[in-house]
Amino acid sequence: MEALALASHAGYWAKTITKIKGSAVQDLNLDGFEPVPDVQGLADTWWQGKDSLIAIYRGEASGALAAAPFWSR
């Protein structure tokens, strides 16, 4: 439930939202990002940087937000 609330909040405030899929997810550089422990789960992991928020969805989840692997503010 926390991940859904965070996704809603990020979507509301984001100036830019970028969606990437497939092998591009493996190329993400997470240097300078910290995991968001309150929303880590089996299906998704969130990372917070200075001005960015990254959500990585592994596909185990279902629903409208499961297809949005990257949020950026």
N, C-alpha and C. Protein backbone atom coordinates (compact mmCIF):
# COMPACT_ATOMS: atom_id res chain seq x y z
N MET A 1 0.82 -1.19 0.00
CA MET A 1 0.00 0.00 0.00
C MET A 1 0.87 1.26 0.00
N GLU A 2 2.01 1.22 0.69
CA GLU A 2 2.88 2.39 0.72
C GLU A 2 3.40 2.72 -0.66
N ALA A 3 3.73 1.67 -1.45
CA ALA A 3 4.24 1.90 -2.81
C ALA A 3 3.19 2.58 -3.68
N LEU A 4 1.95 2.20 -3.53
CA LEU A 4 0.88 2.82 -4.30
C LEU A 4 0.72 4.29 -3.93
N ALA A 5 0.79 4.59 -2.65
CA ALA A 5 0.69 5.98 -2.19
C ALA A 5 1.88 6.79 -2.71
N LEU A 6 3.09 6.22 -2.67
CA LEU A 6 4.26 6.92 -3.16
C LEU A 6 4.17 7.14 -4.66
N ALA A 7 3.69 6.17 -5.41
CA ALA A 7 3.54 6.32 -6.87
C ALA A 7 2.54 7.43 -7.19
N SER A 8 1.46 7.49 -6.45
CA SER A 8 0.46 8.54 -6.65
C SER A 8 1.05 9.91 -6.36
N HIS A 9 1.76 10.02 -5.26
CA HIS A 9 2.40 11.28 -4.87
C HIS A 9 3.43 11.71 -5.91
N ALA A 10 4.27 10.77 -6.34
CA ALA A 10 5.31 11.07 -7.33
C ALA A 10 4.68 11.50 -8.65
N GLY A 11 3.64 10.81 -9.07
CA GLY A 11 2.97 11.16 -10.31
C GLY A 11 2.34 12.54 -10.28
N TYR A 12 1.86 12.93 -9.12
CA TYR A 12 1.24 14.25 -8.97
C TYR A 12 2.28 15.36 -9.06
N TRP A 13 3.43 15.18 -8.41
CA TRP A 13 4.43 16.24 -8.30
C TRP A 13 5.50 16.21 -9.39
N ALA A 14 5.61 15.13 -10.13
CA ALA A 14 6.68 14.98 -11.12
C ALA A 14 6.58 16.01 -12.23
N LYS A 15 7.72 16.61 -12.57
CA LYS A 15 7.79 17.48 -13.73
C LYS A 15 8.00 16.64 -14.98
N THR A 16 8.67 15.51 -14.82
CA THR A 16 8.94 14.60 -15.92
C THR A 16 8.75 13.17 -15.45
N ILE A 17 8.12 12.36 -16.25
CA ILE A 17 8.02 10.92 -15.99
C ILE A 17 8.57 10.20 -17.20
N THR A 18 9.54 9.33 -16.99
CA THR A 18 10.16 8.57 -18.06
C THR A 18 9.93 7.10 -17.81
N LYS A 19 9.50 6.38 -18.81
CA LYS A 19 9.27 4.94 -18.70
C LYS A 19 10.31 4.21 -19.54
N ILE A 20 11.00 3.26 -18.92
CA ILE A 20 11.94 2.43 -19.66
C ILE A 20 11.58 0.97 -19.40
N LYS A 21 11.96 0.11 -20.33
CA LYS A 21 11.61 -1.31 -20.21
C LYS A 21 12.78 -2.17 -20.67
N GLY A 22 12.68 -3.44 -20.33
CA GLY A 22 13.63 -4.43 -20.83
C GLY A 22 15.04 -4.23 -20.33
N SER A 23 16.01 -4.40 -21.22
CA SER A 23 17.41 -4.36 -20.84
C SER A 23 17.85 -2.97 -20.38
N ALA A 24 17.15 -1.92 -20.75
CA ALA A 24 17.50 -0.56 -20.31
C ALA A 24 17.42 -0.43 -18.80
N VAL A 25 16.56 -1.21 -18.17
CA VAL A 25 16.45 -1.17 -16.71
C VAL A 25 17.75 -1.65 -16.07
N GLN A 26 18.37 -2.66 -16.68
CA GLN A 26 19.64 -3.19 -16.16
C GLN A 26 20.75 -2.15 -16.24
N ASP A 27 20.64 -1.19 -17.16
CA ASP A 27 21.68 -0.18 -17.35
C ASP A 27 21.52 1.05 -16.46
N LEU A 28 20.47 1.07 -15.63
CA LEU A 28 20.28 2.22 -14.74
C LEU A 28 21.46 2.36 -13.79
N ASN A 29 21.97 3.56 -13.66
CA ASN A 29 23.04 3.85 -12.72
C ASN A 29 22.40 4.39 -11.44
N LEU A 30 22.45 3.61 -10.38
CA LEU A 30 21.83 4.00 -9.11
C LEU A 30 22.84 4.60 -8.13
N ASP A 31 24.04 4.98 -8.62
CA ASP A 31 25.00 5.68 -7.77
C ASP A 31 24.38 6.98 -7.29
N GLY A 32 24.48 7.26 -6.02
CA GLY A 32 23.91 8.47 -5.46
C GLY A 32 22.45 8.32 -5.03
N PHE A 33 21.87 7.17 -5.25
CA PHE A 33 20.49 6.90 -4.84
C PHE A 33 20.49 5.99 -3.61
N GLU A 34 19.51 6.19 -2.77
CA GLU A 34 19.33 5.37 -1.58
C GLU A 34 18.01 4.61 -1.72
N PRO A 35 17.97 3.34 -1.28
CA PRO A 35 16.70 2.62 -1.32
C PRO A 35 15.69 3.25 -0.36
N VAL A 36 14.43 3.19 -0.73
CA VAL A 36 13.34 3.67 0.14
C VAL A 36 12.79 2.43 0.85
N PRO A 37 13.23 2.18 2.09
CA PRO A 37 12.90 0.91 2.75
C PRO A 37 11.42 0.69 3.02
N ASP A 38 10.65 1.75 3.19
CA ASP A 38 9.23 1.59 3.51
C ASP A 38 8.41 1.01 2.37
N VAL A 39 8.95 1.04 1.15
CA VAL A 39 8.18 0.57 0.00
C VAL A 39 8.87 -0.55 -0.77
N GLN A 40 9.91 -1.14 -0.20
CA GLN A 40 10.57 -2.25 -0.88
C GLN A 40 9.72 -3.50 -0.74
N GLY A 41 9.58 -4.22 -1.83
CA GLY A 41 8.78 -5.43 -1.80
C GLY A 41 9.27 -6.44 -2.83
N LEU A 42 8.51 -7.48 -3.00
CA LEU A 42 8.87 -8.51 -3.97
C LEU A 42 8.73 -8.02 -5.40
N ALA A 43 7.75 -7.18 -5.66
CA ALA A 43 7.46 -6.75 -7.02
C ALA A 43 8.09 -5.41 -7.39
N ASP A 44 8.43 -4.61 -6.43
CA ASP A 44 8.99 -3.31 -6.76
C ASP A 44 10.01 -2.85 -5.73
N THR A 45 10.90 -1.98 -6.20
CA THR A 45 11.91 -1.36 -5.35
C THR A 45 11.97 0.11 -5.73
N TRP A 46 12.02 0.96 -4.75
CA TRP A 46 12.09 2.40 -4.98
C TRP A 46 13.44 2.92 -4.51
N TRP A 47 13.98 3.88 -5.26
CA TRP A 47 15.25 4.51 -4.96
C TRP A 47 15.06 6.02 -5.00
N GLN A 48 15.65 6.72 -4.04
CA GLN A 48 15.51 8.17 -3.96
C GLN A 48 16.87 8.83 -4.12
N GLY A 49 16.91 9.82 -5.01
CA GLY A 49 18.10 10.65 -5.21
C GLY A 49 17.79 12.07 -4.80
N LYS A 50 18.71 12.98 -5.10
CA LYS A 50 18.53 14.38 -4.71
C LYS A 50 17.24 14.96 -5.29
N ASP A 51 17.03 14.81 -6.58
CA ASP A 51 15.85 15.37 -7.24
C ASP A 51 15.08 14.33 -8.03
N SER A 52 15.31 13.06 -7.74
CA SER A 52 14.69 12.00 -8.54
C SER A 52 14.17 10.88 -7.65
N LEU A 53 13.20 10.20 -8.17
CA LEU A 53 12.64 9.02 -7.52
C LEU A 53 12.49 7.96 -8.60
N ILE A 54 13.08 6.79 -8.37
CA ILE A 54 13.04 5.71 -9.34
C ILE A 54 12.26 4.55 -8.75
N ALA A 55 11.31 4.06 -9.52
CA ALA A 55 10.55 2.86 -9.14
C ALA A 55 10.87 1.78 -10.16
N ILE A 56 11.33 0.64 -9.68
CA ILE A 56 11.63 -0.49 -10.56
C ILE A 56 10.61 -1.57 -10.26
N TYR A 57 9.81 -1.88 -11.26
CA TYR A 57 8.79 -2.91 -11.15
C TYR A 57 9.28 -4.16 -11.87
N ARG A 58 9.28 -5.28 -11.17
CA ARG A 58 9.80 -6.53 -11.72
C ARG A 58 8.74 -7.38 -12.42
N GLY A 59 7.50 -6.96 -12.43
CA GLY A 59 6.48 -7.67 -13.17
C GLY A 59 5.63 -8.62 -12.35
N GLU A 60 5.96 -8.83 -11.07
CA GLU A 60 5.13 -9.70 -10.25
C GLU A 60 3.82 -9.03 -9.86
N ALA A 61 3.82 -7.70 -9.82
CA ALA A 61 2.62 -6.96 -9.43
C ALA A 61 1.67 -6.85 -10.61
N SER A 62 0.42 -6.65 -10.32
CA SER A 62 -0.54 -6.38 -11.38
C SER A 62 -1.28 -5.10 -11.05
N GLY A 63 -1.74 -4.42 -12.06
CA GLY A 63 -2.45 -3.17 -11.86
C GLY A 63 -1.91 -2.08 -12.75
N ALA A 64 -2.50 -0.92 -12.64
CA ALA A 64 -2.17 0.19 -13.54
C ALA A 64 -0.73 0.66 -13.38
N LEU A 65 -0.18 0.62 -12.16
CA LEU A 65 1.15 1.16 -11.96
C LEU A 65 2.26 0.15 -12.25
N ALA A 66 1.94 -1.07 -12.47
CA ALA A 66 2.96 -2.09 -12.70
C ALA A 66 3.73 -1.88 -13.99
N ALA A 67 3.22 -1.06 -14.89
CA ALA A 67 3.89 -0.83 -16.17
C ALA A 67 4.75 0.42 -16.17
N ALA A 68 4.91 1.10 -15.05
CA ALA A 68 5.65 2.35 -15.02
C ALA A 68 6.94 2.19 -14.22
N PRO A 69 8.04 1.77 -14.88
CA PRO A 69 9.26 1.47 -14.13
C PRO A 69 10.09 2.65 -13.67
N PHE A 70 9.84 3.89 -14.13
CA PHE A 70 10.74 4.98 -13.75
C PHE A 70 9.96 6.27 -13.56
N TRP A 71 10.11 6.88 -12.42
CA TRP A 71 9.52 8.21 -12.14
C TRP A 71 10.67 9.17 -11.90
N SER A 72 10.60 10.37 -12.40
CA SER A 72 11.63 11.38 -12.17
C SER A 72 10.98 12.73 -11.92
N ARG A 73 11.50 13.47 -10.96
CA ARG A 73 10.97 14.82 -10.69
C ARG A 73 11.93 15.82 -11.24
